[in-house]
N, C-alpha and C. Protein backbone atom coordinates (compact mmCIF):
# COMPACT_ATOMS: atom_id res chain seq x y z
N MET A 1 66.60 153.58 55.62
CA MET A 1 66.57 154.62 55.36
C MET A 1 67.17 155.55 54.93
N SER A 2 68.76 155.14 55.01
CA SER A 2 69.79 156.39 54.09
C SER A 2 68.76 156.26 52.89
N ARG A 3 69.06 155.18 52.10
CA ARG A 3 68.83 155.13 50.38
C ARG A 3 67.59 155.78 50.23
N LEU A 4 66.59 155.88 51.19
CA LEU A 4 65.47 156.68 50.85
C LEU A 4 65.30 158.48 51.08
N ARG A 5 66.53 158.88 51.84
CA ARG A 5 66.51 160.07 51.98
C ARG A 5 67.25 160.48 50.66
N HIS A 6 68.33 159.29 50.08
CA HIS A 6 69.08 159.45 48.52
C HIS A 6 68.31 159.86 47.85
N LEU A 7 67.20 158.64 47.92
CA LEU A 7 66.74 159.02 47.00
C LEU A 7 65.44 160.27 46.64
N ILE A 8 65.27 160.76 47.56
CA ILE A 8 63.98 161.69 47.97
C ILE A 8 65.26 163.14 47.27
N LEU A 9 66.36 163.21 47.80
CA LEU A 9 66.74 164.19 47.23
C LEU A 9 67.48 163.88 45.84
N ALA A 10 67.60 163.00 45.37
CA ALA A 10 67.75 163.09 43.93
C ALA A 10 66.75 163.37 43.10
N ILE A 11 65.27 163.31 43.90
CA ILE A 11 63.93 163.38 42.70
C ILE A 11 63.98 164.94 43.15
N VAL A 12 64.52 165.60 44.02
CA VAL A 12 64.30 166.90 44.25
C VAL A 12 64.96 167.66 43.30
N VAL A 13 66.33 167.36 43.14
CA VAL A 13 67.38 167.71 42.15
C VAL A 13 67.22 167.66 40.90
N LEU A 14 66.68 166.86 40.83
CA LEU A 14 65.81 166.36 39.48
C LEU A 14 64.87 167.25 38.71
N ALA A 15 63.80 167.49 39.56
CA ALA A 15 62.60 168.36 39.87
C ALA A 15 63.22 169.82 39.09
N CYS A 16 64.45 170.03 40.44
CA CYS A 16 64.49 171.64 40.20
C CYS A 16 65.50 171.99 38.92
N CYS A 17 65.61 170.91 38.21
CA CYS A 17 66.40 171.00 37.03
C CYS A 17 65.93 171.06 35.61
N ILE A 18 64.88 170.01 35.88
CA ILE A 18 64.67 169.56 34.39
C ILE A 18 63.53 170.80 33.62
N GLY A 19 63.58 171.89 34.68
CA GLY A 19 62.60 173.10 33.32
C GLY A 19 64.08 173.56 32.65
N GLU A 20 64.83 173.45 33.07
CA GLU A 20 66.15 174.25 32.64
C GLU A 20 67.00 173.57 31.47
N LEU A 21 66.66 172.02 31.82
CA LEU A 21 66.76 171.20 30.63
C LEU A 21 65.70 170.99 29.48
N ALA A 22 64.81 171.39 30.13
CA ALA A 22 63.92 171.13 29.23
C ALA A 22 64.18 172.30 27.93
N ALA A 23 64.48 173.33 28.61
CA ALA A 23 64.92 174.78 28.35
C ALA A 23 65.73 174.67 27.01
N ARG A 24 66.77 173.94 27.29
CA ARG A 24 67.88 174.08 26.08
C ARG A 24 67.78 172.85 25.13
N ASP A 25 66.98 172.39 24.90
CA ASP A 25 67.04 171.21 24.25
C ASP A 25 65.88 171.67 22.81
N PHE A 26 66.28 172.02 22.07
CA PHE A 26 66.35 172.92 20.72
C PHE A 26 65.39 172.16 20.15
N CYS A 27 65.23 170.77 19.55
CA CYS A 27 64.26 169.91 19.38
C CYS A 27 63.30 169.79 20.01
N ALA A 28 62.84 170.04 21.18
CA ALA A 28 61.92 169.54 22.14
C ALA A 28 60.58 170.94 21.89
N ALA A 29 61.16 171.96 21.33
CA ALA A 29 60.63 172.92 21.90
C ALA A 29 61.08 174.07 20.67
N PRO A 30 61.34 173.78 19.29
CA PRO A 30 61.84 174.54 18.54
C PRO A 30 60.64 176.26 18.51
N HIS A 31 61.68 177.27 18.33
CA HIS A 31 60.98 178.37 18.36
C HIS A 31 61.29 178.92 17.20
N THR A 32 62.06 178.41 16.38
CA THR A 32 62.98 178.87 14.92
C THR A 32 63.21 177.65 14.23
N SER A 33 63.14 177.73 13.06
CA SER A 33 63.75 176.28 12.05
C SER A 33 64.93 176.45 12.47
N ALA A 34 65.33 177.22 12.78
CA ALA A 34 66.86 176.38 12.67
C ALA A 34 67.94 177.76 13.88
N MET A 35 69.19 177.04 14.49
CA MET A 35 69.47 177.52 15.57
C MET A 35 71.49 177.96 15.01
N ILE A 36 71.96 178.56 15.45
CA ILE A 36 73.78 178.00 15.36
C ILE A 36 74.13 178.79 17.41
N GLU A 37 75.34 177.82 17.28
CA GLU A 37 75.74 178.20 18.62
C GLU A 37 77.35 178.03 18.94
N LEU A 38 78.10 178.60 19.20
CA LEU A 38 79.46 177.92 19.53
C LEU A 38 79.18 177.13 20.56
N VAL A 39 80.00 176.24 20.18
CA VAL A 39 80.06 174.88 21.80
C VAL A 39 81.44 174.83 22.08
N SER A 40 82.94 175.63 21.60
CA SER A 40 83.65 174.76 21.87
C SER A 40 84.45 176.07 23.07
N PRO A 41 85.63 176.19 23.54
CA PRO A 41 85.44 177.14 24.42
C PRO A 41 85.94 177.92 23.43
N PRO A 42 85.96 179.50 24.28
CA PRO A 42 85.68 180.77 23.54
C PRO A 42 87.89 180.92 23.55
N TYR A 43 88.35 180.31 23.34
CA TYR A 43 89.94 180.87 23.11
C TYR A 43 90.49 180.43 21.86
N GLY A 44 90.98 181.87 20.98
CA GLY A 44 92.23 181.91 20.19
C GLY A 44 93.05 180.16 20.34
N GLY A 45 92.88 179.80 18.84
CA GLY A 45 94.31 178.62 18.55
C GLY A 45 93.60 177.31 19.45
N LEU A 46 92.49 177.25 19.71
CA LEU A 46 91.55 176.12 20.00
C LEU A 46 91.09 176.14 18.49
N PRO A 47 90.41 174.25 18.29
CA PRO A 47 89.68 174.48 17.15
C PRO A 47 88.01 175.11 17.36
N VAL A 48 87.56 175.46 16.92
CA VAL A 48 86.06 176.22 17.02
C VAL A 48 84.87 175.62 16.44
N SER A 49 84.03 174.63 17.22
CA SER A 49 83.21 174.20 17.05
C SER A 49 81.80 174.90 17.17
N LEU A 50 80.98 174.87 16.19
CA LEU A 50 79.91 175.37 16.03
C LEU A 50 78.47 174.31 15.93
N ARG A 51 77.24 174.38 16.94
CA ARG A 51 76.35 173.17 16.42
C ARG A 51 75.25 173.88 15.85
N LEU A 52 74.90 173.18 14.89
CA LEU A 52 73.95 173.73 13.92
C LEU A 52 73.12 172.83 14.33
N SER A 53 71.69 173.66 14.32
CA SER A 53 70.60 172.72 14.66
C SER A 53 69.22 173.35 13.82
N GLU A 54 68.38 172.61 13.33
CA GLU A 54 67.44 172.47 12.00
C GLU A 54 66.39 171.74 12.30
N TYR A 55 64.88 172.39 12.77
CA TYR A 55 64.16 171.97 12.49
C TYR A 55 62.66 172.17 11.55
N TYR A 56 62.23 170.57 11.08
CA TYR A 56 61.46 170.90 10.25
C TYR A 56 60.14 170.31 10.20
N ALA A 57 59.22 171.00 10.26
CA ALA A 57 57.38 169.56 10.39
C ALA A 57 57.62 168.66 8.95
N SER A 58 57.90 169.20 7.44
CA SER A 58 57.90 168.30 6.92
C SER A 58 59.19 167.67 6.60
N ASN A 59 58.84 166.66 5.61
CA ASN A 59 59.74 164.95 5.78
C ASN A 59 61.32 166.17 4.94
N GLY A 60 62.65 165.65 4.83
CA GLY A 60 63.43 166.06 4.13
C GLY A 60 64.66 165.25 3.84
N SER A 61 65.73 166.12 2.96
CA SER A 61 67.24 165.10 2.97
C SER A 61 68.33 166.36 2.93
N PHE A 62 69.07 166.13 3.87
CA PHE A 62 69.94 167.31 3.78
C PHE A 62 71.30 167.19 3.67
N GLY A 63 71.76 168.16 3.35
CA GLY A 63 73.32 168.55 2.57
C GLY A 63 74.30 168.51 3.72
N THR A 64 75.16 168.53 2.90
CA THR A 64 76.65 168.36 4.15
C THR A 64 76.81 169.88 3.77
N PRO A 65 76.86 170.48 5.23
CA PRO A 65 77.64 171.87 5.32
C PRO A 65 79.05 172.00 4.83
N ARG A 66 79.44 172.95 3.54
CA ARG A 66 80.51 173.43 3.56
C ARG A 66 81.22 174.94 4.70
N ILE A 67 81.92 174.63 4.70
CA ILE A 67 82.54 175.84 5.59
C ILE A 67 83.82 176.51 5.09
N ALA A 68 83.60 178.13 4.81
CA ALA A 68 85.06 179.20 4.38
C ALA A 68 85.10 179.77 5.64
N VAL A 69 86.25 180.20 5.81
CA VAL A 69 86.61 181.02 6.98
C VAL A 69 87.45 182.17 6.03
N ILE A 70 86.82 182.97 6.00
CA ILE A 70 87.91 184.22 5.06
C ILE A 70 87.62 185.41 5.90
N GLY A 71 89.22 185.94 6.31
CA GLY A 71 89.33 186.93 7.88
C GLY A 71 88.52 186.49 9.27
N ASP A 72 87.36 187.88 9.60
CA ASP A 72 87.12 187.77 10.58
C ASP A 72 85.46 187.05 9.67
N ARG A 73 85.26 186.24 9.17
CA ARG A 73 83.82 185.85 9.10
C ARG A 73 83.68 184.33 8.43
N ILE A 74 83.07 183.69 9.07
CA ILE A 74 82.72 182.24 8.37
C ILE A 74 81.57 181.78 7.91
N GLU A 75 81.61 181.37 6.81
CA GLU A 75 80.58 181.32 5.59
C GLU A 75 80.20 179.55 5.79
N ILE A 76 79.29 179.05 6.20
CA ILE A 76 78.63 177.90 6.54
C ILE A 76 77.43 178.38 4.95
N THR A 77 77.93 177.17 3.95
CA THR A 77 76.40 177.17 3.13
C THR A 77 75.58 175.48 3.18
N GLN A 78 74.57 175.14 2.70
CA GLN A 78 74.26 173.83 3.06
C GLN A 78 72.86 173.89 1.63
N THR A 79 72.44 173.02 1.13
CA THR A 79 71.27 172.45 0.05
C THR A 79 70.63 171.41 0.88
N ASN A 80 68.93 171.66 1.25
CA ASN A 80 68.35 170.56 2.15
C ASN A 80 67.35 170.68 1.31
N GLY A 81 66.72 169.11 0.39
CA GLY A 81 65.47 168.95 -0.18
C GLY A 81 64.49 168.51 0.89
N ILE A 82 63.47 169.58 0.95
CA ILE A 82 62.62 169.64 1.60
C ILE A 82 61.16 168.59 0.92
N SER A 83 60.31 168.12 1.42
CA SER A 83 59.13 167.65 0.79
C SER A 83 57.67 168.38 1.86
N TRP A 84 57.43 169.35 1.44
CA TRP A 84 56.96 169.65 2.32
C TRP A 84 55.53 169.48 2.36
N SER A 85 55.20 168.28 1.43
CA SER A 85 53.32 167.56 1.39
C SER A 85 53.83 165.91 2.07
N GLN A 86 54.89 165.99 2.62
CA GLN A 86 54.97 165.16 3.53
C GLN A 86 54.96 165.34 5.04
N PRO A 87 53.76 165.51 5.55
CA PRO A 87 54.77 165.90 7.69
C PRO A 87 55.50 165.02 7.94
N SER A 88 56.31 165.40 9.17
CA SER A 88 56.87 164.53 9.60
C SER A 88 57.51 165.83 10.83
N THR A 89 58.50 165.32 11.72
CA THR A 89 58.89 166.13 12.48
C THR A 89 60.48 165.52 12.55
N ILE A 90 61.15 166.55 11.71
CA ILE A 90 62.36 166.26 12.04
C ILE A 90 63.20 166.99 12.65
N CYS A 91 64.32 166.81 13.37
CA CYS A 91 64.93 167.63 13.93
C CYS A 91 66.27 166.94 13.73
N ARG A 92 68.03 167.70 13.26
CA ARG A 92 68.60 167.27 12.94
C ARG A 92 69.81 168.60 13.94
N VAL A 93 70.37 168.03 14.68
CA VAL A 93 71.72 168.56 15.46
C VAL A 93 73.02 168.29 14.84
N LEU A 94 74.10 169.20 14.68
CA LEU A 94 75.16 168.48 13.75
C LEU A 94 76.06 169.94 14.01
N THR A 95 77.37 169.35 14.95
CA THR A 95 78.73 169.92 15.07
C THR A 95 79.81 170.44 13.99
N VAL A 96 80.36 171.45 13.68
CA VAL A 96 81.08 171.36 12.37
C VAL A 96 82.24 171.97 12.98
N THR A 97 83.28 171.94 12.37
CA THR A 97 84.29 172.74 13.18
C THR A 97 84.96 173.54 12.12
N ALA A 98 85.34 174.68 12.49
CA ALA A 98 85.61 176.03 11.70
C ALA A 98 87.34 176.08 11.57
N GLY A 99 87.86 175.25 12.42
CA GLY A 99 89.40 174.48 12.52
C GLY A 99 89.84 175.87 13.58
N GLN A 100 91.51 176.11 13.94
CA GLN A 100 91.95 176.68 14.82
C GLN A 100 91.77 178.55 14.42
N LEU A 101 91.38 179.37 15.08
CA LEU A 101 91.24 180.43 14.81
C LEU A 101 92.02 181.55 15.87
N GLN A 102 92.48 182.51 15.10
CA GLN A 102 93.33 183.26 15.88
C GLN A 102 92.18 184.43 16.90
N PRO A 103 92.97 184.54 18.20
CA PRO A 103 91.43 185.95 18.69
C PRO A 103 90.99 186.73 18.03
N GLY A 104 89.98 187.64 18.36
CA GLY A 104 89.27 188.52 17.59
C GLY A 104 88.11 188.10 17.99
N HIS A 105 86.99 188.52 17.00
CA HIS A 105 85.79 188.85 17.11
C HIS A 105 84.98 188.52 15.52
N TYR A 106 84.91 187.37 15.46
CA TYR A 106 84.27 186.41 14.35
C TYR A 106 82.68 186.51 14.20
N ARG A 107 82.14 186.97 12.74
CA ARG A 107 80.73 186.68 12.17
C ARG A 107 80.18 185.20 11.39
N VAL A 108 79.76 184.73 12.16
CA VAL A 108 79.00 183.41 11.14
C VAL A 108 78.02 183.57 10.65
N THR A 109 77.79 183.50 9.29
CA THR A 109 76.52 183.43 8.80
C THR A 109 76.37 181.73 8.21
N TRP A 110 75.35 181.33 8.28
CA TRP A 110 75.05 180.34 7.61
C TRP A 110 73.72 180.25 6.69
N THR A 111 74.19 179.48 5.40
CA THR A 111 73.02 180.09 4.23
C THR A 111 72.28 178.34 4.18
N THR A 112 71.60 178.59 4.18
CA THR A 112 70.55 177.01 3.77
C THR A 112 69.71 177.10 2.40
N THR A 113 69.95 176.73 1.47
CA THR A 113 68.67 176.68 0.56
C THR A 113 68.30 175.39 0.65
N GLU A 114 67.10 175.81 0.53
CA GLU A 114 65.58 174.57 0.74
C GLU A 114 64.91 174.64 -0.64
N ASP A 115 65.43 173.50 -1.24
CA ASP A 115 64.95 172.94 -2.54
C ASP A 115 63.14 172.16 -2.09
N LEU A 116 62.34 172.50 -2.97
CA LEU A 116 60.69 172.51 -2.05
C LEU A 116 60.28 171.39 -2.97
N PHE A 117 59.79 169.98 -2.49
CA PHE A 117 59.15 169.19 -3.64
C PHE A 117 57.94 168.88 -2.69
N PRO A 118 56.66 168.60 -3.41
CA PRO A 118 56.72 169.14 -5.01
C PRO A 118 56.86 171.12 -5.02
N ARG A 119 57.62 171.20 -6.21
CA ARG A 119 57.52 172.32 -6.80
C ARG A 119 56.66 173.66 -6.04
N LEU A 120 56.73 173.99 -5.65
CA LEU A 120 56.60 176.08 -5.50
C LEU A 120 56.79 177.24 -5.87
N GLU A 121 56.32 178.33 -5.87
CA GLU A 121 56.65 179.35 -6.72
C GLU A 121 56.97 180.02 -5.36
N PRO A 122 58.60 180.71 -5.11
CA PRO A 122 59.18 179.95 -6.48
C PRO A 122 59.58 179.07 -5.66
N PRO A 123 60.46 177.96 -6.34
CA PRO A 123 60.60 176.39 -5.75
C PRO A 123 61.82 176.09 -5.04
N THR A 124 62.21 177.37 -4.64
CA THR A 124 63.39 177.57 -3.39
C THR A 124 63.33 178.28 -2.49
N ARG A 125 63.55 178.29 -1.61
CA ARG A 125 63.65 179.10 -0.56
C ARG A 125 65.10 179.34 0.39
N THR A 126 65.61 180.49 0.90
CA THR A 126 66.67 180.24 1.08
C THR A 126 66.37 181.23 2.61
N ARG A 127 67.19 180.69 3.60
CA ARG A 127 67.37 180.91 5.37
C ARG A 127 68.92 181.44 5.50
N PHE A 128 69.08 183.20 6.29
CA PHE A 128 70.00 182.71 6.86
C PHE A 128 70.03 183.07 8.52
N ILE A 129 71.22 182.56 9.28
CA ILE A 129 71.07 182.29 10.21
C ILE A 129 72.35 183.18 10.74
N ASP A 130 72.52 184.46 11.66
CA ASP A 130 73.54 184.82 11.76
C ASP A 130 73.86 184.72 13.18
N LEU A 131 75.64 184.87 13.83
CA LEU A 131 76.00 184.62 14.78
C LEU A 131 77.05 184.92 15.21
N GLU A 132 77.65 185.90 15.99
CA GLU A 132 78.47 186.50 16.49
C GLU A 132 79.17 185.83 17.62
N PHE A 133 80.77 186.00 17.87
CA PHE A 133 81.21 186.00 19.02
C PHE A 133 82.90 186.34 18.80
N THR A 134 83.39 186.19 20.04
CA THR A 134 84.75 186.83 20.33
C THR A 134 85.39 185.74 20.98
N LEU A 135 86.55 185.41 19.66
CA LEU A 135 87.77 184.67 20.74
C LEU A 135 88.45 185.23 21.94
N LEU A 136 88.95 184.61 22.73
CA LEU A 136 90.46 185.40 24.31
C LEU A 136 91.49 184.71 23.55
N PRO A 137 92.70 185.55 23.87
CA PRO A 137 94.01 185.27 23.82
C PRO A 137 93.92 183.68 24.74
N THR A 138 94.43 182.71 24.40
CA THR A 138 94.74 181.78 25.59
C THR A 138 95.42 182.10 26.65
N GLN A 139 95.97 183.00 27.10
CA GLN A 139 96.29 184.07 28.12
C GLN A 139 95.31 183.68 29.25
N MET A 140 94.14 184.36 28.32
CA MET A 140 92.81 184.30 29.64
C MET A 140 92.38 183.41 30.01
N ILE A 141 92.98 181.81 29.67
CA ILE A 141 92.23 180.91 30.36
C ILE A 141 93.02 181.05 31.93
N GLN A 142 92.37 180.61 32.14
CA GLN A 142 92.36 180.60 34.31
C GLN A 142 93.73 179.68 34.47
N ALA A 143 94.94 180.21 35.42
CA ALA A 143 95.33 179.38 35.72
C ALA A 143 95.21 178.60 37.17
N ALA A 144 96.16 177.48 37.42
CA ALA A 144 95.98 177.13 38.43
C ALA A 144 95.82 177.59 39.93
N ASP A 145 96.09 179.00 39.42
CA ASP A 145 96.03 179.43 41.50
C ASP A 145 94.89 179.76 41.41
N ASP A 146 93.68 179.72 40.74
CA ASP A 146 92.39 179.83 41.14
C ASP A 146 91.73 179.22 42.29
N TYR A 147 91.45 180.00 43.44
CA TYR A 147 91.43 179.41 44.66
C TYR A 147 90.34 177.96 44.63
N ILE A 148 89.56 177.54 43.65
CA ILE A 148 88.19 176.80 43.57
C ILE A 148 89.45 175.53 43.68
N LEU A 149 90.12 175.20 42.53
CA LEU A 149 91.13 174.48 41.95
C LEU A 149 92.22 174.03 43.08
N VAL A 150 92.82 175.23 43.70
CA VAL A 150 93.52 174.94 44.83
C VAL A 150 92.68 174.47 46.13
N LEU A 151 91.41 174.64 46.15
CA LEU A 151 90.69 173.90 46.95
C LEU A 151 90.42 172.39 47.03
N LEU A 152 90.29 172.38 45.44
CA LEU A 152 90.24 170.85 45.07
C LEU A 152 91.24 170.03 45.28
N VAL A 153 92.18 170.47 44.90
CA VAL A 153 93.49 170.15 45.26
C VAL A 153 93.81 169.16 46.49
N LEU A 154 93.44 170.58 47.22
CA LEU A 154 93.81 170.27 48.89
C LEU A 154 92.87 169.01 49.49
N THR A 155 91.28 169.16 48.91
CA THR A 155 90.49 168.19 49.21
C THR A 155 90.72 166.53 48.87
N LEU A 156 91.25 167.07 47.50
CA LEU A 156 91.93 165.70 47.28
C LEU A 156 92.82 164.79 47.97
N ALA A 157 93.69 165.41 47.85
CA ALA A 157 94.93 164.87 48.83
C ALA A 157 94.30 164.88 50.38
N GLY A 158 93.48 165.54 51.17
CA GLY A 158 93.13 164.83 52.18
C GLY A 158 92.33 163.44 52.11
N VAL A 159 91.79 163.38 50.96
CA VAL A 159 90.63 162.36 50.69
C VAL A 159 91.91 161.03 50.87
N ALA A 160 92.89 161.28 50.23
CA ALA A 160 94.11 159.73 49.40
C ALA A 160 94.90 160.02 50.96
N LEU A 161 94.95 160.60 51.98
CA LEU A 161 95.75 160.65 53.38
C LEU A 161 95.16 160.21 54.12
N SER A 162 93.93 160.09 54.13
CA SER A 162 93.00 159.84 55.20
C SER A 162 92.85 158.39 54.63
N ARG A 163 92.84 157.62 53.38
CA ARG A 163 92.65 156.20 53.15
C ARG A 163 93.80 155.46 53.00
N LEU A 164 95.28 156.23 52.88
CA LEU A 164 96.16 155.89 53.30
C LEU A 164 96.61 155.37 55.21
N HIS A 165 95.77 155.73 55.46
CA HIS A 165 96.23 155.95 57.19
C HIS A 165 95.13 154.93 57.55
N ALA A 166 94.05 154.57 56.84
CA ALA A 166 93.15 153.69 56.96
C ALA A 166 93.56 152.56 57.18
C-alpha cells in the first residue's frame, strides 16, 4: 500500500510540473529561429556560459561560433549552410564560454550568416539575436549564514546523530 501511495504522489508531482518542463524546451515548441540565454551564475570573476539554441525546418550544416569580448560587449559570429529545399527538423543547442568577466552590465550580439542552398536572391540571410545581462560582484553570493543553509546543516547533523545512536 505504501508503494502505491508513493507512485500516486510521484505521478501527481510529475503532472503538475510537466507543463513547465515542456515550456522550457526550446526545441519542442520553437517560437523563433534562435535564442540565447545566460546559463552560468550571474557573478563576476566566474566563467560566463551562454546557451545558443537554433531551430531550422530545413537541413543544415552549422558553423562553429567565434566569440570576442570587447569591453562590455560580447560578439558571437557564426556561419551556417542551410539547404532550404530539404525539409527536416533540426534543433541544435550549444553552450559557449565567454571567459571570466568583471562585474557589470554586458550586451551580447549573436550574428548568424545563413548561406542558402540552392541559391536564392539574396543568397545569404543575416540574423541578429541580442541579450543583455548584469554580473554582480562575488561579494553578493549568499554566505553560509543564510537561514535555509543553517537549517539544512542542523537537519543533516540530527540525522547523523540519530544514526550513531541506532
